Each structure stands twice: as structure tokens, then as C-alpha cells.
Amino acid sequence: MIYTRSSMVCINPTVYAVGWRPMRASIPVAYGQTKEVFILTRRDLRTGQTLQGERLSDRVWIDNGRRS
């Protein structure tokens, strides 16, 4: 396997080659608390935008929303 360093974590370059973008986000988990997660998306997500996704693991989500 080959990994490349991004500003967040080591990412397999295949993720980029197939059109996915890794992003960092905070999601609400309890009243007044958030958790930092990574999101794989094909969209250009902006701060405050709603995510329609599924959890792949505790800290990794995949966005199911359509490209805009």
C-alpha cells in the first residue's frame, strides 16, 4: 500500500484517484458536546452545511449527498 501525507492524516492516494475528498468536521454527540470526525465526500462541503451520510467507523463518515 502507498499512503500520502495530507494535512490531517495519512491518506491512501486511491481515495483521491476515485474522486473522494477527505475532510475534517465536528458533529454533535451530546448536549453542548461535539466530536471531531473525518468525512469522505465528493462534494465541496462548506461550514454549516448539512451532511447526509453514514458512519463507517467511530471517526469516519461517508457523505451520501449529491454533488452540487
PDB file of N, CA and C in Angstrom:
ATOM      1  N   MET A   1       0.831  -1.179   0.000  1.00  0.00           N
ATOM      2  CA  MET A   1       0.000   0.000   0.000  1.00  0.00           C
ATOM      3  C   MET A   1       0.877   1.245   0.000  1.00  0.00           C
ATOM      4  N   ILE A   2       0.367   2.271  -0.637  1.00  0.00           N
ATOM      5  CA  ILE A   2       1.041   3.564  -0.677  1.00  0.00           C
ATOM      6  C   ILE A   2       0.151   4.573   0.028  1.00  0.00           C
ATOM      7  N   TYR A   3       0.742   5.362   0.901  1.00  0.00           N
ATOM      8  CA  TYR A   3      -0.001   6.411   1.596  1.00  0.00           C
ATOM      9  C   TYR A   3       0.687   7.742   1.351  1.00  0.00           C
ATOM     10  N   THR A   4      -0.094   8.780   1.309  1.00  0.00           N
ATOM     11  CA  THR A   4       0.450  10.125   1.155  1.00  0.00           C
ATOM     12  C   THR A   4       0.022  10.963   2.351  1.00  0.00           C
ATOM     13  N   ARG A   5       0.859  11.878   2.736  1.00  0.00           N
ATOM     14  CA  ARG A   5       0.560  12.724   3.885  1.00  0.00           C
ATOM     15  C   ARG A   5      -0.313  13.886   3.449  1.00  0.00           C
ATOM     16  N   SER A   6      -1.429  14.053   4.133  1.00  0.00           N
ATOM     17  CA  SER A   6      -2.243  15.243   3.927  1.00  0.00           C
ATOM     18  C   SER A   6      -2.114  16.042   5.215  1.00  0.00           C
ATOM     19  N   SER A   7      -2.754  17.178   5.293  1.00  0.00           N
ATOM     20  CA  SER A   7      -2.647  17.985   6.497  1.00  0.00           C
ATOM     21  C   SER A   7      -3.360  17.341   7.685  1.00  0.00           C
ATOM     22  N   MET A   8      -4.161  16.307   7.450  1.00  0.00           N
ATOM     23  CA  MET A   8      -4.930  15.686   8.513  1.00  0.00           C
ATOM     24  C   MET A   8      -4.320  14.363   8.977  1.00  0.00           C
ATOM     25  N   VAL A   9      -4.214  13.421   8.070  1.00  0.00           N
ATOM     26  CA  VAL A   9      -3.765  12.067   8.390  1.00  0.00           C
ATOM     27  C   VAL A   9      -3.076  11.485   7.174  1.00  0.00           C
ATOM     28  N   CYS A  10      -2.612  10.273   7.270  1.00  0.00           N
ATOM     29  CA  CYS A  10      -2.083   9.570   6.092  1.00  0.00           C
ATOM     30  C   CYS A  10      -3.271   9.018   5.310  1.00  0.00           C
ATOM     31  N   ILE A  11      -3.366   9.378   4.038  1.00  0.00           N
ATOM     32  CA  ILE A  11      -4.493   9.006   3.189  1.00  0.00           C
ATOM     33  C   ILE A  11      -3.996   8.136   2.043  1.00  0.00           C
ATOM     34  N   ASN A  12      -4.700   7.053   1.780  1.00  0.00           N
ATOM     35  CA  ASN A  12      -4.383   6.230   0.624  1.00  0.00           C
ATOM     36  C   ASN A  12      -4.706   7.046  -0.629  1.00  0.00           C
ATOM     37  N   PRO A  13      -3.750   7.219  -1.570  1.00  0.00           N
ATOM     38  CA  PRO A  13      -3.997   8.047  -2.758  1.00  0.00           C
ATOM     39  C   PRO A  13      -5.142   7.557  -3.639  1.00  0.00           C
ATOM     40  N   THR A  14      -5.535   6.300  -3.487  1.00  0.00           N
ATOM     41  CA  THR A  14      -6.669   5.782  -4.248  1.00  0.00           C
ATOM     42  C   THR A  14      -7.932   6.565  -3.930  1.00  0.00           C
ATOM     43  N   VAL A  15      -8.054   7.037  -2.699  1.00  0.00           N
ATOM     44  CA  VAL A  15      -9.217   7.837  -2.304  1.00  0.00           C
ATOM     45  C   VAL A  15      -9.335   9.055  -3.217  1.00  0.00           C
ATOM     46  N   TYR A  16      -8.229   9.741  -3.460  1.00  0.00           N
ATOM     47  CA  TYR A  16      -8.233  10.904  -4.347  1.00  0.00           C
ATOM     48  C   TYR A  16      -8.453  10.485  -5.801  1.00  0.00           C
ATOM     49  N   ALA A  17      -7.851   9.375  -6.214  1.00  0.00           N
ATOM     50  CA  ALA A  17      -7.934   8.926  -7.607  1.00  0.00           C
ATOM     51  C   ALA A  17      -9.361   8.590  -8.023  1.00  0.00           C
ATOM     52  N   VAL A  18     -10.175   8.119  -7.101  1.00  0.00           N
ATOM     53  CA  VAL A  18     -11.561   7.785  -7.439  1.00  0.00           C
ATOM     54  C   VAL A  18     -12.531   8.929  -7.139  1.00  0.00           C
ATOM     55  N   GLY A  19     -11.993  10.111  -6.828  1.00  0.00           N
ATOM     56  CA  GLY A  19     -12.827  11.304  -6.710  1.00  0.00           C
ATOM     57  C   GLY A  19     -13.317  11.666  -5.327  1.00  0.00           C
ATOM     58  N   TRP A  20     -12.853  11.004  -4.293  1.00  0.00           N
ATOM     59  CA  TRP A  20     -13.268  11.329  -2.930  1.00  0.00           C
ATOM     60  C   TRP A  20     -12.327  12.340  -2.310  1.00  0.00           C
ATOM     61  N   ARG A  21     -12.855  13.194  -1.442  1.00  0.00           N
ATOM     62  CA  ARG A  21     -12.055  14.174  -0.706  1.00  0.00           C
ATOM     63  C   ARG A  21     -12.208  13.916   0.791  1.00  0.00           C
ATOM     64  N   PRO A  22     -11.111  13.768   1.496  1.00  0.00           N
ATOM     65  CA  PRO A  22     -11.217  13.658   2.953  1.00  0.00           C
ATOM     66  C   PRO A  22     -11.321  15.045   3.573  1.00  0.00           C
ATOM     67  N   MET A  23     -12.209  15.213   4.521  1.00  0.00           N
ATOM     68  CA  MET A  23     -12.382  16.482   5.221  1.00  0.00           C
ATOM     69  C   MET A  23     -12.531  16.221   6.713  1.00  0.00           C
ATOM     70  N   ARG A  24     -12.212  17.210   7.503  1.00  0.00           N
ATOM     71  CA  ARG A  24     -12.379  17.129   8.953  1.00  0.00           C
ATOM     72  C   ARG A  24     -13.622  17.915   9.331  1.00  0.00           C
ATOM     73  N   ALA A  25     -14.399  17.394  10.287  1.00  0.00           N
ATOM     74  CA  ALA A  25     -15.627  18.071  10.709  1.00  0.00           C
ATOM     75  C   ALA A  25     -15.898  17.779  12.171  1.00  0.00           C
ATOM     76  N   SER A  26     -16.784  18.570  12.760  1.00  0.00           N
ATOM     77  CA  SER A  26     -17.253  18.331  14.122  1.00  0.00           C
ATOM     78  C   SER A  26     -18.726  18.000  14.055  1.00  0.00           C
ATOM     79  N   ILE A  27     -19.126  16.956  14.783  1.00  0.00           N
ATOM     80  CA  ILE A  27     -20.534  16.571  14.813  1.00  0.00           C
ATOM     81  C   ILE A  27     -21.023  16.601  16.254  1.00  0.00           C
ATOM     82  N   PRO A  28     -22.302  16.926  16.464  1.00  0.00           N
ATOM     83  CA  PRO A  28     -22.842  16.926  17.841  1.00  0.00           C
ATOM     84  C   PRO A  28     -23.014  15.489  18.333  1.00  0.00           C
ATOM     85  N   VAL A  29     -22.612  15.244  19.574  1.00  0.00           N
ATOM     86  CA  VAL A  29     -22.767  13.910  20.161  1.00  0.00           C
ATOM     87  C   VAL A  29     -23.609  13.941  21.431  1.00  0.00           C
ATOM     88  N   ALA A  30     -23.635  15.046  22.116  1.00  0.00           N
ATOM     89  CA  ALA A  30     -24.437  15.201  23.328  1.00  0.00           C
ATOM     90  C   ALA A  30     -24.681  16.690  23.520  1.00  0.00           C
ATOM     91  N   TYR A  31     -25.526  17.028  24.447  1.00  0.00           N
ATOM     92  CA  TYR A  31     -25.858  18.422  24.684  1.00  0.00           C
ATOM     93  C   TYR A  31     -24.590  19.244  24.899  1.00  0.00           C
ATOM     94  N   GLY A  32     -24.316  20.150  23.968  1.00  0.00           N
ATOM     95  CA  GLY A  32     -23.166  21.043  24.084  1.00  0.00           C
ATOM     96  C   GLY A  32     -21.821  20.404  23.789  1.00  0.00           C
ATOM     97  N   GLN A  33     -21.803  19.143  23.371  1.00  0.00           N
ATOM     98  CA  GLN A  33     -20.546  18.470  23.083  1.00  0.00           C
ATOM     99  C   GLN A  33     -20.472  18.082  21.618  1.00  0.00           C
ATOM    100  N   THR A  34     -19.267  18.117  21.072  1.00  0.00           N
ATOM    101  CA  THR A  34     -19.047  17.699  19.693  1.00  0.00           C
ATOM    102  C   THR A  34     -17.892  16.710  19.647  1.00  0.00           C
ATOM    103  N   LYS A  35     -17.803  15.993  18.528  1.00  0.00           N
ATOM    104  CA  LYS A  35     -16.706  15.053  18.301  1.00  0.00           C
ATOM    105  C   LYS A  35     -16.106  15.358  16.936  1.00  0.00           C
ATOM    106  N   GLU A  36     -14.784  15.356  16.835  1.00  0.00           N
ATOM    107  CA  GLU A  36     -14.120  15.591  15.567  1.00  0.00           C
ATOM    108  C   GLU A  36     -14.070  14.275  14.784  1.00  0.00           C
ATOM    109  N   VAL A  37     -14.516  14.339  13.523  1.00  0.00           N
ATOM    110  CA  VAL A  37     -14.551  13.158  12.656  1.00  0.00           C
ATOM    111  C   VAL A  37     -13.960  13.512  11.296  1.00  0.00           C
ATOM    112  N   PHE A  38     -13.718  12.487  10.501  1.00  0.00           N
ATOM    113  CA  PHE A  38     -13.284  12.669   9.118  1.00  0.00           C
ATOM    114  C   PHE A  38     -14.427  12.253   8.213  1.00  0.00           C
ATOM    115  N   ILE A  39     -14.614  13.016   7.135  1.00  0.00           N
ATOM    116  CA  ILE A  39     -15.691  12.764   6.189  1.00  0.00           C
ATOM    117  C   ILE A  39     -15.084  12.532   4.818  1.00  0.00           C
ATOM    118  N   LEU A  40     -15.537  11.488   4.137  1.00  0.00           N
ATOM    119  CA  LEU A  40     -15.169  11.269   2.746  1.00  0.00           C
ATOM    120  C   LEU A  40     -16.334  11.757   1.904  1.00  0.00           C
ATOM    121  N   THR A  41     -16.074  12.692   1.003  1.00  0.00           N
ATOM    122  CA  THR A  41     -17.142  13.289   0.210  1.00  0.00           C
ATOM    123  C   THR A  41     -16.667  13.539  -1.211  1.00  0.00           C
ATOM    124  N   ARG A  42     -17.606  13.638  -2.111  1.00  0.00           N
ATOM    125  CA  ARG A  42     -17.323  14.040  -3.489  1.00  0.00           C
ATOM    126  C   ARG A  42     -17.791  15.477  -3.727  1.00  0.00           C
ATOM    127  N   ARG A  43     -18.440  16.050  -2.710  1.00  0.00           N
ATOM    128  CA  ARG A  43     -18.941  17.422  -2.823  1.00  0.00           C
ATOM    129  C   ARG A  43     -17.950  18.402  -2.217  1.00  0.00           C
ATOM    130  N   ASP A  44     -18.171  19.664  -2.508  1.00  0.00           N
ATOM    131  CA  ASP A  44     -17.396  20.739  -1.907  1.00  0.00           C
ATOM    132  C   ASP A  44     -18.187  21.249  -0.707  1.00  0.00           C
ATOM    133  N   LEU A  45     -18.027  20.587   0.444  1.00  0.00           N
ATOM    134  CA  LEU A  45     -18.795  20.941   1.637  1.00  0.00           C
ATOM    135  C   LEU A  45     -18.298  22.247   2.237  1.00  0.00           C
ATOM    136  N   ARG A  46     -19.214  23.013   2.795  1.00  0.00           N
ATOM    137  CA  ARG A  46     -18.897  24.287   3.440  1.00  0.00           C
ATOM    138  C   ARG A  46     -19.272  24.215   4.919  1.00  0.00           C
ATOM    139  N   THR A  47     -18.705  25.091   5.701  1.00  0.00           N
ATOM    140  CA  THR A  47     -19.009  25.168   7.121  1.00  0.00           C
ATOM    141  C   THR A  47     -20.506  25.377   7.323  1.00  0.00           C
ATOM    142  N   GLY A  48     -21.104  24.586   8.191  1.00  0.00           N
ATOM    143  CA  GLY A  48     -22.525  24.702   8.492  1.00  0.00           C
ATOM    144  C   GLY A  48     -23.429  23.929   7.561  1.00  0.00           C
ATOM    145  N   GLN A  49     -22.892  23.361   6.498  1.00  0.00           N
ATOM    146  CA  GLN A  49     -23.713  22.614   5.547  1.00  0.00           C
ATOM    147  C   GLN A  49     -24.122  21.270   6.153  1.00  0.00           C
ATOM    148  N   THR A  50     -25.354  20.841   5.881  1.00  0.00           N
ATOM    149  CA  THR A  50     -25.863  19.581   6.403  1.00  0.00           C
ATOM    150  C   THR A  50     -25.254  18.416   5.650  1.00  0.00           C
ATOM    151  N   LEU A  51     -24.879  17.398   6.395  1.00  0.00           N
ATOM    152  CA  LEU A  51     -24.279  16.198   5.824  1.00  0.00           C
ATOM    153  C   LEU A  51     -25.299  15.079   5.831  1.00  0.00           C
ATOM    154  N   GLN A  52     -25.450  14.420   4.698  1.00  0.00           N
ATOM    155  CA  GLN A  52     -26.289  13.230   4.609  1.00  0.00           C
ATOM    156  C   GLN A  52     -25.328  12.061   4.433  1.00  0.00           C
ATOM    157  N   GLY A  53     -25.026  11.392   5.522  1.00  0.00           N
ATOM    158  CA  GLY A  53     -24.010  10.373   5.425  1.00  0.00           C
ATOM    159  C   GLY A  53     -24.247   9.170   6.301  1.00  0.00           C
ATOM    160  N   GLU A  54     -23.300   8.257   6.209  1.00  0.00           N
ATOM    161  CA  GLU A  54     -23.330   7.042   7.000  1.00  0.00           C
ATOM    162  C   GLU A  54     -22.003   6.887   7.707  1.00  0.00           C
ATOM    163  N   ARG A  55     -22.051   6.329   8.885  1.00  0.00           N
ATOM    164  CA  ARG A  55     -20.844   6.128   9.665  1.00  0.00           C
ATOM    165  C   ARG A  55     -20.140   4.855   9.205  1.00  0.00           C
ATOM    166  N   LEU A  56     -18.860   4.979   8.858  1.00  0.00           N
ATOM    167  CA  LEU A  56     -18.055   3.815   8.501  1.00  0.00           C
ATOM    168  C   LEU A  56     -17.347   3.249   9.723  1.00  0.00           C
ATOM    169  N   SER A  57     -16.936   4.133  10.611  1.00  0.00           N
ATOM    170  CA  SER A  57     -16.305   3.739  11.864  1.00  0.00           C
ATOM    171  C   SER A  57     -16.581   4.842  12.879  1.00  0.00           C
ATOM    172  N   ASP A  58     -15.987   4.739  14.034  1.00  0.00           N
ATOM    173  CA  ASP A  58     -16.245   5.717  15.083  1.00  0.00           C
ATOM    174  C   ASP A  58     -15.920   7.144  14.655  1.00  0.00           C
ATOM    175  N   ARG A  59     -14.861   7.326  13.870  1.00  0.00           N
ATOM    176  CA  ARG A  59     -14.446   8.673  13.495  1.00  0.00           C
ATOM    177  C   ARG A  59     -14.447   8.917  11.987  1.00  0.00           C
ATOM    178  N   VAL A  60     -15.025   8.014  11.185  1.00  0.00           N
ATOM    179  CA  VAL A  60     -15.042   8.191   9.729  1.00  0.00           C
ATOM    180  C   VAL A  60     -16.468   8.055   9.211  1.00  0.00           C
ATOM    181  N   TRP A  61     -16.889   9.058   8.462  1.00  0.00           N
ATOM    182  CA  TRP A  61     -18.213   9.091   7.845  1.00  0.00           C
ATOM    183  C   TRP A  61     -18.060   9.223   6.341  1.00  0.00           C
ATOM    184  N   ILE A  62     -19.046   8.728   5.594  1.00  0.00           N
ATOM    185  CA  ILE A  62     -19.061   8.898   4.145  1.00  0.00           C
ATOM    186  C   ILE A  62     -20.320   9.678   3.777  1.00  0.00           C
ATOM    187  N   ASP A  63     -20.139  10.698   2.945  1.00  0.00           N
ATOM    188  CA  ASP A  63     -21.242  11.580   2.540  1.00  0.00           C
ATOM    189  C   ASP A  63     -22.012  10.942   1.396  1.00  0.00           C
ATOM    190  N   ASN A  64     -23.339  10.831   1.536  1.00  0.00           N
ATOM    191  CA  ASN A  64     -24.195  10.273   0.502  1.00  0.00           C
ATOM    192  C   ASN A  64     -24.923  11.344  -0.295  1.00  0.00           C
ATOM    193  N   GLY A  65     -24.669  12.607  -0.012  1.00  0.00           N
ATOM    194  CA  GLY A  65     -25.356  13.694  -0.702  1.00  0.00           C
ATOM    195  C   GLY A  65     -24.915  13.803  -2.150  1.00  0.00           C
ATOM    196  N   ARG A  66     -25.756  14.398  -2.947  1.00  0.00           N
ATOM    197  CA  ARG A  66     -25.433  14.587  -4.371  1.00  0.00           C
ATOM    198  C   ARG A  66     -24.473  15.752  -4.546  1.00  0.00           C
ATOM    199  N   ARG A  67     -23.678  15.649  -5.600  1.00  0.00           N
ATOM    200  CA  ARG A  67     -22.764  16.770  -5.921  1.00  0.00           C
ATOM    201  C   ARG A  67     -23.587  17.965  -6.311  1.00  0.00           C
ATOM    202  N   SER A  68     -23.075  19.144  -5.950  1.00  0.00           N
ATOM    203  CA  SER A  68     -23.791  20.371  -6.343  1.00  0.00           C
ATOM    204  C   SER A  68     -23.028  21.120  -7.382  1.00  0.00           C
TER     205      SER A  68
END
